[in-house]
Amino acid sequence: MFENSHRAGGDWARRGNSTAPHEPADLETAALIGAIPENEEEKGAMRVLIFRFRECISCVALNKFKMDHILVELMSQLTPLTEEEKLAIKTSFPIKTFDKGTYLLKEGQIAKDAYQVIEGCIREYELIDGEEKTTAFFTENQSAANFNSIATGTPSKRYFICAEKTTVAILNAEKEQQLYKQFPRFETFCRAGMEQMMGTEQENLADFITMKPEQRYMQLLEKRPELLNRVPHHQIASYLGIKPETLSRIRRRIIRS
């Protein structure tokens, strides 16, 4: 159950943002809507069109999840669910909205819950020599969890804080085990999802470590451009492992090129 669910077409765009992010033209998406840009002017227009196209898809998907429980929707993609199973999932894993600045986990606490983000952003960070070091951002359709603390019962070394108003499904480890006892077949699907997620996370971390700062920024620009409009400059720099002034120089270089 503690899994990073499949993303269709990348991370969902930030709703309500009328400015298209500066990202490379997505030819695959362009092909889907029947147009391939042939010059820089058309590429610029296509970026706006693609952003709005994705925004519409995101709104439809998010509204669908709000009508039903997100975990019911995700599990239904893996296997047909009975009404009894759907009710058990909804009862076990409630949906709650937290204000910006709310801490979901602090250093020294033992993690009991994971959070499937429906809407919003959770920032993960560590305190190193009194300075916040951002280690992750969890946005729509991603799971935020301190798996080590949950599994071993050891105090967390990290913080989870809502970077904006955030709606999540709360996944409790104890309730998860109770659900497995009631419906044993769920465990197979959830374990497989966990293994896949951990493997992906390890690969992403290995790639991130070997990249140069500018490569890290370009990857962020390509895969998660909406973060640049949702997260403060200094937190993006911290996540990339660089100083804010270095990030500014990288941005200027990219604009000039």
Protein backbone atom coordinates (compact mmCIF):
# COMPACT_ATOMS: atom_id res chain seq x y z
CA MET A 1 0.00 0.00 0.00
CA PHE A 2 2.93 2.34 0.67
CA GLU A 3 3.73 2.83 -2.97
CA ASN A 4 4.57 5.46 -5.55
CA SER A 5 1.77 4.98 -8.01
CA HIS A 6 2.20 4.92 -11.77
CA ARG A 7 2.27 8.36 -13.31
CA ALA A 8 0.65 8.85 -16.72
CA GLY A 9 2.39 11.58 -18.68
CA GLY A 10 4.61 12.76 -15.80
CA ASP A 11 3.69 14.60 -12.61
CA TRP A 12 0.42 16.51 -12.66
CA ALA A 13 0.72 20.20 -13.51
CA ARG A 14 -0.10 22.76 -10.87
CA ARG A 15 -3.76 23.67 -11.16
CA GLY A 16 -4.73 27.31 -11.56
CA ASN A 17 -1.37 28.40 -13.02
CA SER A 18 -1.94 30.30 -16.25
CA THR A 19 1.75 30.62 -17.16
CA ALA A 20 3.28 27.79 -19.13
CA PRO A 21 6.55 26.44 -17.67
CA HIS A 22 9.73 26.77 -19.74
CA GLU A 23 10.12 23.16 -20.82
CA PRO A 24 11.17 21.47 -24.07
CA ALA A 25 8.35 20.91 -26.54
CA ASP A 26 6.84 17.49 -25.87
CA LEU A 27 6.57 16.01 -29.35
CA GLU A 28 4.74 12.92 -28.12
CA THR A 29 2.02 15.06 -26.56
CA ALA A 30 2.02 17.29 -29.63
CA ALA A 31 1.45 14.28 -31.84
CA LEU A 32 -1.49 13.24 -29.67
CA ILE A 33 -3.20 16.55 -30.31
CA GLY A 34 -2.28 16.50 -33.99
CA ALA A 35 0.49 19.09 -34.41
CA ILE A 36 4.28 19.08 -34.67
CA PRO A 37 6.03 22.49 -34.28
CA GLU A 38 8.37 23.42 -37.14
CA ASN A 39 9.95 26.66 -35.84
CA GLU A 40 10.67 28.51 -32.58
CA GLU A 41 7.45 30.56 -32.73
CA GLU A 42 5.35 27.42 -33.17
CA LYS A 43 7.29 25.69 -30.38
CA GLY A 44 6.46 28.57 -28.03
CA ALA A 45 2.78 28.37 -28.85
CA MET A 46 2.90 24.58 -28.54
CA ARG A 47 4.37 24.81 -25.03
CA VAL A 48 1.36 26.86 -23.93
CA LEU A 49 -1.05 24.50 -25.65
CA ILE A 50 0.60 21.41 -24.17
CA PHE A 51 0.56 22.93 -20.68
CA ARG A 52 -3.14 23.73 -20.94
CA PHE A 53 -3.86 20.28 -22.41
CA ARG A 54 -2.09 18.61 -19.46
CA GLU A 55 -3.80 20.98 -17.04
CA CYS A 56 -7.23 19.90 -18.32
CA ILE A 57 -6.30 16.22 -18.04
CA SER A 58 -4.99 16.84 -14.51
CA CYS A 59 -8.19 18.56 -13.40
CA VAL A 60 -10.33 15.73 -14.76
CA ALA A 61 -8.15 13.12 -13.04
CA LEU A 62 -8.04 15.03 -9.75
CA ASN A 63 -11.79 15.58 -9.71
CA LYS A 64 -12.31 11.87 -10.39
CA PHE A 65 -10.12 10.99 -7.40
CA LYS A 66 -12.04 13.46 -5.23
CA MET A 67 -15.33 11.81 -6.17
CA ASP A 68 -14.01 8.49 -4.93
CA HIS A 69 -11.12 7.52 -2.68
CA ILE A 70 -7.73 7.79 -4.39
CA LEU A 71 -6.54 4.45 -3.00
CA VAL A 72 -9.71 2.77 -4.22
CA GLU A 73 -8.97 4.17 -7.66
CA LEU A 74 -5.35 3.03 -7.57
CA MET A 75 -6.17 -0.46 -6.33
CA SER A 76 -8.95 -0.75 -8.92
CA GLN A 77 -6.31 -0.29 -11.61
CA LEU A 78 -4.60 -3.44 -10.33
CA THR A 79 -7.59 -5.67 -9.61
CA PRO A 80 -11.40 -5.51 -9.54
CA LEU A 81 -12.67 -4.60 -6.05
CA THR A 82 -15.84 -5.67 -4.29
CA GLU A 83 -17.96 -3.09 -2.48
CA GLU A 84 -16.79 -4.58 0.82
CA GLU A 85 -13.15 -4.12 -0.17
CA LYS A 86 -13.75 -0.54 -1.30
CA LEU A 87 -15.42 0.32 2.00
CA ALA A 88 -12.57 -1.26 3.98
CA ILE A 89 -9.99 0.82 2.09
CA LYS A 90 -11.94 4.05 2.63
CA THR A 91 -12.38 3.32 6.33
CA SER A 92 -8.75 2.30 6.89
CA PHE A 93 -7.11 5.22 5.09
CA PRO A 94 -8.91 8.56 5.65
CA ILE A 95 -8.43 11.64 3.48
CA LYS A 96 -7.43 14.86 5.22
CA THR A 97 -6.36 18.38 4.24
CA PHE A 98 -3.48 20.17 6.01
CA ASP A 99 -2.62 23.86 5.92
CA LYS A 100 0.66 25.14 4.52
CA GLY A 101 3.40 24.90 7.15
CA THR A 102 1.90 21.89 8.93
CA TYR A 103 4.46 19.29 10.03
CA LEU A 104 3.48 15.70 9.27
CA LEU A 105 6.71 14.32 10.75
CA LYS A 106 9.57 15.81 12.77
CA GLU A 107 13.06 14.68 13.62
CA GLY A 108 12.99 12.39 16.66
CA GLN A 109 9.44 11.16 16.08
CA ILE A 110 8.74 7.56 15.12
CA ALA A 111 6.84 7.49 11.82
CA LYS A 112 3.53 5.63 11.88
CA ASP A 113 1.93 6.98 8.71
CA ALA A 114 2.65 7.48 5.04
CA TYR A 115 0.87 10.06 2.89
CA GLN A 116 -0.50 9.63 -0.62
CA VAL A 117 -0.68 13.15 -2.04
CA ILE A 118 -3.95 13.98 -3.76
CA GLU A 119 -3.32 17.70 -4.11
CA GLY A 120 -0.48 19.88 -2.81
CA CYS A 121 3.18 19.44 -1.97
CA ILE A 122 5.11 17.91 0.95
CA ARG A 123 8.76 18.88 1.41
CA GLU A 124 11.20 16.49 3.06
CA TYR A 125 14.32 17.93 4.68
CA GLU A 126 17.07 17.26 7.21
CA LEU A 127 18.77 19.64 9.60
CA ILE A 128 22.52 19.54 9.00
CA ASP A 129 24.59 21.87 11.20
CA GLY A 130 21.44 23.91 11.79
CA GLU A 131 20.72 24.34 8.07
CA GLU A 132 17.77 22.80 6.23
CA LYS A 133 18.83 20.41 3.49
CA THR A 134 15.88 19.60 1.21
CA THR A 135 15.92 15.97 0.13
CA ALA A 136 12.59 15.54 -1.70
CA PHE A 137 9.33 17.10 -2.84
CA PHE A 138 6.23 14.92 -2.96
CA THR A 139 3.44 16.22 -5.16
CA GLU A 140 0.23 14.88 -6.72
CA ASN A 141 0.10 11.10 -7.12
CA GLN A 142 3.25 10.48 -5.05
CA SER A 143 3.72 8.89 -1.64
CA ALA A 144 5.67 10.51 1.21
CA ALA A 145 6.93 8.03 3.79
CA ASN A 146 9.92 7.45 6.06
CA PHE A 147 10.10 3.72 5.40
CA ASN A 148 13.08 3.13 7.69
CA SER A 149 11.34 4.68 10.70
CA ILE A 150 8.05 2.87 9.95
CA ALA A 151 9.72 -0.53 9.50
CA THR A 152 12.23 -0.40 12.37
CA GLY A 153 10.46 1.85 14.87
CA THR A 154 13.52 4.12 15.06
CA PRO A 155 13.23 7.91 15.36
CA SER A 156 13.11 9.86 12.12
CA LYS A 157 16.08 11.97 11.07
CA ARG A 158 13.94 13.94 8.66
CA TYR A 159 11.02 16.35 8.60
CA PHE A 160 7.89 16.30 6.43
CA ILE A 161 6.26 19.71 6.07
CA CYS A 162 3.39 20.84 3.84
CA ALA A 163 4.90 23.33 1.40
CA GLU A 164 1.38 24.42 0.48
CA LYS A 165 -2.16 23.48 1.43
CA THR A 166 -2.12 19.72 0.93
CA THR A 167 -4.75 16.98 0.72
CA VAL A 168 -3.57 13.43 1.39
CA ALA A 169 -4.79 9.92 2.02
CA ILE A 170 -3.25 8.81 5.32
CA LEU A 171 -1.80 5.30 5.20
CA ASN A 172 -1.23 3.80 8.64
CA ALA A 173 1.07 0.77 8.95
CA GLU A 174 -1.02 -0.91 11.65
CA LYS A 175 -4.25 -0.46 9.71
CA GLU A 176 -2.50 -1.73 6.60
CA GLN A 177 -1.65 -5.00 8.36
CA GLN A 178 -5.24 -5.33 9.53
CA LEU A 179 -6.40 -4.86 5.95
CA TYR A 180 -4.03 -7.63 4.79
CA LYS A 181 -5.51 -9.99 7.36
CA GLN A 182 -9.03 -9.19 6.21
CA PHE A 183 -8.14 -9.33 2.50
CA PRO A 184 -4.91 -11.36 2.07
CA ARG A 185 -4.80 -10.87 -1.69
CA PHE A 186 -4.04 -7.15 -1.22
CA GLU A 187 -0.62 -7.94 0.23
CA THR A 188 0.66 -9.40 -3.04
CA PHE A 189 -0.20 -6.27 -5.03
CA CYS A 190 1.14 -3.90 -2.39
CA ARG A 191 4.42 -5.75 -1.86
CA ALA A 192 5.05 -5.78 -5.61
CA GLY A 193 4.37 -2.04 -5.77
CA MET A 194 6.74 -1.41 -2.87
CA GLU A 195 9.58 -3.37 -4.50
CA GLN A 196 9.10 -1.55 -7.78
CA MET A 197 9.06 1.83 -6.07
CA MET A 198 12.20 1.15 -4.02
CA GLY A 199 14.04 -0.01 -7.13
CA THR A 200 13.05 3.14 -9.01
CA GLU A 201 14.08 5.35 -6.09
CA GLN A 202 17.51 3.71 -5.91
CA GLU A 203 18.07 4.23 -9.63
CA ASN A 204 16.98 7.86 -9.43
CA LEU A 205 19.27 8.51 -6.47
CA ALA A 206 22.25 6.91 -8.22
CA ASP A 207 21.63 9.04 -11.33
CA PHE A 208 21.21 12.19 -9.23
CA ILE A 209 24.49 11.67 -7.36
CA THR A 210 26.53 11.28 -10.54
CA MET A 211 25.01 14.30 -12.30
CA LYS A 212 26.57 17.74 -12.45
CA PRO A 213 24.46 20.59 -10.96
CA GLU A 214 23.36 21.87 -14.37
CA GLN A 215 22.31 18.35 -15.40
CA ARG A 216 20.27 18.03 -12.21
CA TYR A 217 18.51 21.29 -12.97
CA MET A 218 17.82 20.29 -16.58
CA GLN A 219 16.35 16.99 -15.39
CA LEU A 220 14.10 18.85 -12.94
CA LEU A 221 13.08 21.24 -15.72
CA GLU A 222 12.19 18.34 -17.98
CA LYS A 223 10.45 16.03 -15.50
CA ARG A 224 8.95 18.34 -12.86
CA PRO A 225 8.77 21.88 -14.26
CA GLU A 226 5.78 22.80 -12.08
CA LEU A 227 8.01 22.72 -8.98
CA LEU A 228 9.80 25.85 -10.20
CA ASN A 229 6.53 27.80 -9.79
CA ARG A 230 5.52 26.18 -6.51
CA VAL A 231 8.71 26.06 -4.44
CA PRO A 232 10.98 28.93 -3.29
CA HIS A 233 14.25 29.43 -5.18
CA HIS A 234 16.46 28.60 -2.18
CA GLN A 235 14.65 25.30 -1.56
CA ILE A 236 15.11 24.26 -5.19
CA ALA A 237 18.82 25.07 -4.84
CA SER A 238 19.05 23.05 -1.63
CA TYR A 239 17.34 20.09 -3.33
CA LEU A 240 19.85 20.28 -6.21
CA GLY A 241 22.74 20.42 -3.74
CA ILE A 242 23.91 23.90 -4.73
CA LYS A 243 23.82 27.48 -3.43
CA PRO A 244 21.03 29.83 -4.59
CA GLU A 245 23.54 32.02 -6.42
CA THR A 246 24.82 28.98 -8.33
CA LEU A 247 21.26 28.16 -9.38
CA SER A 248 20.82 31.74 -10.60
CA ARG A 249 23.96 31.43 -12.74
CA ILE A 250 22.76 28.14 -14.21
CA ARG A 251 19.41 29.70 -15.09
CA ARG A 252 21.08 32.69 -16.78
CA ARG A 253 23.34 30.35 -18.80
CA ILE A 254 20.35 28.36 -19.99
CA ILE A 255 18.42 31.49 -20.96
CA ARG A 256 21.40 32.85 -22.92
CA SER A 257 21.85 29.55 -24.75
